Structures are given as structure tokens and as C-alpha cells.
Amino acid sequence: MVESEIAERIAARRAELDELEDRLVKQLEEVRSERDELAVAERVWQRMAEQLAVESAAAEPAAAQVAGRAVLLVPHRGPGVDQDALPPDYQRILAIVRDAGGPVATKQVGEALGLEVAVRGRLEPLRGKLSKLAGRGWLRKLPDGRYTARL
């Protein structure tokens, strides 16, 4: 009898250990799955952080060195900043848009500046300057791509 009782106990303990092993294997699979998901999330987060860093670096205003200090070439419009703070070519562009009396397209400003508007690519630098003036609050860009002067 003792031998059969020992065999039963061994079999019962083996069944308990097998059940425990199954639970642990299942838990280990869940842990590994979650770790894989976290690794993916970390890579996505890192890519987004890099992209945001690049975008914020590109959005920073261009600065020049004057007397050892960084200054904006095209300052933001605000109290105490008048159009004389703009470089001369930007002042001319701003004057043309203001004198137009209504929304103007880049081509119209280019014609007023005497640019060859028929030549492809000649208006791109001007379009960039108009966008910069709009971004700094000197002009307003309309949804159709035309510009108006801010009051």
C-alpha cells in the first residue's frame, strides 16, 4: 500500500507541476508579446521625436549675426516693429502688396518687381519671400494662394 500511495503522490505532484508549467509558459508568451509591442512603440516614438525635431528646427526663424548677436533677417510683426526693420527687398514686396488694394498673386508681385514671370522657376524665390512675410505676420495668405496686406 505504501508504494501505491507514493506513486499516487508522485503522479499528483507531476500533474501540479505540469499545470504550473503550462501557466508559466502562457505567462512567458504574454510577457514576450508585450515586450515586442513595447519595442515597436519605442521605435515609433523615436521616429516621431526625430521628425518633430527636424520640423521644429526647420520652423525656427532664420537668424544672422549682427555685432555678435543673432537677429532675425525678417522679424516678426509686432508692437514696436515697423516695416523699416525689414530688408529692402522685403519692404518693396510689402509696398507692392499694400498698394494693390486687394489680394494679389505671386505672378502679379513678380510683374511689379520686373521679374521674368514667363520663365519657369523665376517666381519661386519670390513665393518664398511672400510666404515668409505671411508667416511672420506682415501679410495674410489666402486659401487660394493670393496675399493681402495686414492692417
Protein backbone atom coordinates (compact mmCIF):
# COMPACT_ATOMS: atom_id res chain seq x y z
CA MET A 1 0.00 0.00 0.00
CA VAL A 2 2.73 2.39 0.74
CA GLU A 3 4.12 2.03 -2.74
CA SER A 4 0.79 2.80 -4.41
CA GLU A 5 0.30 5.82 -2.16
CA ILE A 6 3.76 7.15 -3.05
CA ALA A 7 3.09 6.58 -6.75
CA GLU A 8 -0.21 8.49 -6.45
CA ARG A 9 1.50 11.40 -4.69
CA ILE A 10 4.21 11.49 -7.34
CA ALA A 11 1.61 11.45 -10.11
CA ALA A 12 -0.42 14.21 -8.39
CA ARG A 13 2.67 16.35 -7.91
CA ARG A 14 3.70 15.77 -11.53
CA ALA A 15 0.20 16.91 -12.64
CA GLU A 16 0.50 20.05 -10.47
CA LEU A 17 3.92 20.82 -11.92
CA ASP A 18 2.68 20.24 -15.49
CA GLU A 19 -0.22 22.63 -14.85
CA LEU A 20 2.16 25.21 -13.35
CA GLU A 21 4.47 24.81 -16.34
CA ASP A 22 1.56 25.44 -18.74
CA ARG A 23 0.57 28.60 -16.84
CA LEU A 24 4.17 29.83 -16.78
CA VAL A 25 4.62 29.15 -20.49
CA LYS A 26 1.44 31.09 -21.20
CA GLN A 27 2.63 33.99 -18.97
CA LEU A 28 6.03 33.97 -20.65
CA GLU A 29 4.38 34.20 -24.08
CA GLU A 30 2.28 37.16 -22.88
CA VAL A 31 5.36 38.88 -21.46
CA ARG A 32 7.32 38.38 -24.68
CA SER A 33 4.38 39.64 -26.74
CA GLU A 34 4.08 42.77 -24.60
CA ARG A 35 7.85 43.35 -24.79
CA ASP A 36 7.66 43.14 -28.60
CA GLU A 37 4.80 45.64 -28.63
CA LEU A 38 6.80 47.98 -26.39
CA ALA A 39 9.80 47.71 -28.70
CA VAL A 40 7.62 48.69 -31.67
CA ALA A 41 6.08 51.56 -29.70
CA GLU A 42 9.53 52.77 -28.72
CA ARG A 43 10.71 52.75 -32.36
CA VAL A 44 7.61 54.67 -33.45
CA TRP A 45 8.07 57.17 -30.64
CA GLN A 46 11.74 57.62 -31.56
CA ARG A 47 10.88 58.24 -35.23
CA MET A 48 8.21 60.75 -34.26
CA ALA A 49 10.61 62.53 -31.91
CA GLU A 50 13.23 62.74 -34.68
CA GLN A 51 10.64 64.03 -37.14
CA LEU A 52 9.40 66.64 -34.67
CA ALA A 53 12.98 67.73 -34.03
CA VAL A 54 13.59 68.17 -37.76
CA GLU A 55 10.31 70.06 -38.20
CA SER A 56 10.95 72.36 -35.25
CA ALA A 57 14.49 73.04 -36.47
CA ALA A 58 13.09 73.93 -39.90
CA ALA A 59 10.43 76.16 -38.33
CA GLU A 60 12.95 78.19 -36.38
CA PRO A 61 13.36 81.65 -37.89
CA ALA A 62 16.48 82.30 -39.92
CA ALA A 63 18.93 84.39 -37.95
CA ALA A 64 22.00 86.37 -38.89
CA GLN A 65 24.87 87.60 -36.77
CA VAL A 66 24.99 91.36 -36.20
CA ALA A 67 27.58 92.66 -33.77
CA GLY A 68 27.95 89.15 -32.40
CA ARG A 69 24.21 88.76 -31.68
CA ALA A 70 21.70 86.63 -33.55
CA VAL A 71 18.96 88.70 -35.16
CA LEU A 72 16.13 87.77 -37.49
CA LEU A 73 16.58 88.87 -41.08
CA VAL A 74 12.80 89.14 -41.38
CA PRO A 75 11.45 89.94 -37.91
CA HIS A 76 8.01 89.03 -36.67
CA ARG A 77 5.49 91.82 -36.91
CA GLY A 78 4.57 93.16 -33.53
CA PRO A 79 4.38 96.24 -31.35
CA GLY A 80 7.36 98.47 -31.86
CA VAL A 81 8.43 96.73 -35.07
CA ASP A 82 7.69 98.68 -38.21
CA GLN A 83 8.32 97.96 -41.85
CA ASP A 84 11.72 99.69 -41.70
CA ALA A 85 13.01 96.65 -39.77
CA LEU A 86 12.59 94.56 -42.95
CA PRO A 87 15.37 94.16 -45.52
CA PRO A 88 14.87 96.48 -48.55
CA ASP A 89 13.65 93.77 -50.95
CA TYR A 90 11.02 92.67 -48.42
CA GLN A 91 9.96 96.30 -47.95
CA ARG A 92 9.42 96.60 -51.74
CA ILE A 93 7.33 93.41 -51.78
CA LEU A 94 5.24 94.62 -48.85
CA ALA A 95 4.69 98.01 -50.53
CA ILE A 96 3.54 96.33 -53.76
CA VAL A 97 1.00 94.16 -51.92
CA ARG A 98 -0.28 97.13 -49.90
CA ASP A 99 -0.59 99.34 -53.00
CA ALA A 100 -2.52 96.66 -54.88
CA GLY A 101 -5.64 97.42 -52.89
CA GLY A 102 -6.74 93.78 -52.83
CA PRO A 103 -5.49 90.22 -52.95
CA VAL A 104 -2.55 89.69 -55.31
CA ALA A 105 -0.98 86.58 -56.77
CA THR A 106 2.75 85.90 -56.75
CA LYS A 107 2.83 86.49 -60.51
CA GLN A 108 1.38 90.00 -60.09
CA VAL A 109 4.01 90.89 -57.49
CA GLY A 110 6.70 89.47 -59.78
CA GLU A 111 5.47 91.64 -62.66
CA ALA A 112 5.55 94.72 -60.43
CA LEU A 113 9.12 93.86 -59.45
CA GLY A 114 10.10 93.46 -63.11
CA LEU A 115 10.80 89.73 -62.91
CA GLU A 116 10.53 87.46 -65.95
CA VAL A 117 7.27 85.80 -64.88
CA ALA A 118 7.05 83.76 -68.08
CA VAL A 119 10.28 81.92 -67.25
CA ARG A 120 9.61 78.86 -65.18
CA GLY A 121 11.13 78.93 -61.70
CA ARG A 122 11.73 82.68 -61.55
CA LEU A 123 8.84 83.16 -59.13
CA GLU A 124 9.87 80.51 -56.58
CA PRO A 125 12.24 82.75 -54.59
CA LEU A 126 9.56 85.45 -54.57
CA ARG A 127 6.95 82.92 -53.44
CA GLY A 128 9.28 82.00 -50.57
CA LYS A 129 9.64 85.65 -49.54
CA LEU A 130 5.88 86.17 -49.66
CA SER A 131 5.38 83.06 -47.53
CA LYS A 132 7.99 84.26 -45.04
CA LEU A 133 6.27 87.66 -44.79
CA ALA A 134 2.96 85.87 -44.23
CA GLY A 135 4.48 83.56 -41.63
CA ARG A 136 5.94 86.49 -39.71
CA GLY A 137 2.63 88.38 -39.69
CA TRP A 138 3.35 91.07 -42.30
CA LEU A 139 1.00 89.64 -44.94
CA ARG A 140 -2.01 87.36 -44.89
CA LYS A 141 -2.07 84.35 -47.20
CA LEU A 142 -5.49 83.47 -48.51
CA PRO A 143 -6.59 79.86 -49.14
CA ASP A 144 -6.35 80.42 -52.92
CA GLY A 145 -2.63 81.32 -52.60
CA ARG A 146 -3.01 85.06 -53.01
CA TYR A 147 -1.74 87.60 -50.47
CA THR A 148 -3.19 90.66 -48.82
CA ALA A 149 -1.69 93.28 -46.55
CA ARG A 150 -2.47 93.18 -42.86
CA LEU A 151 -3.80 96.40 -41.41
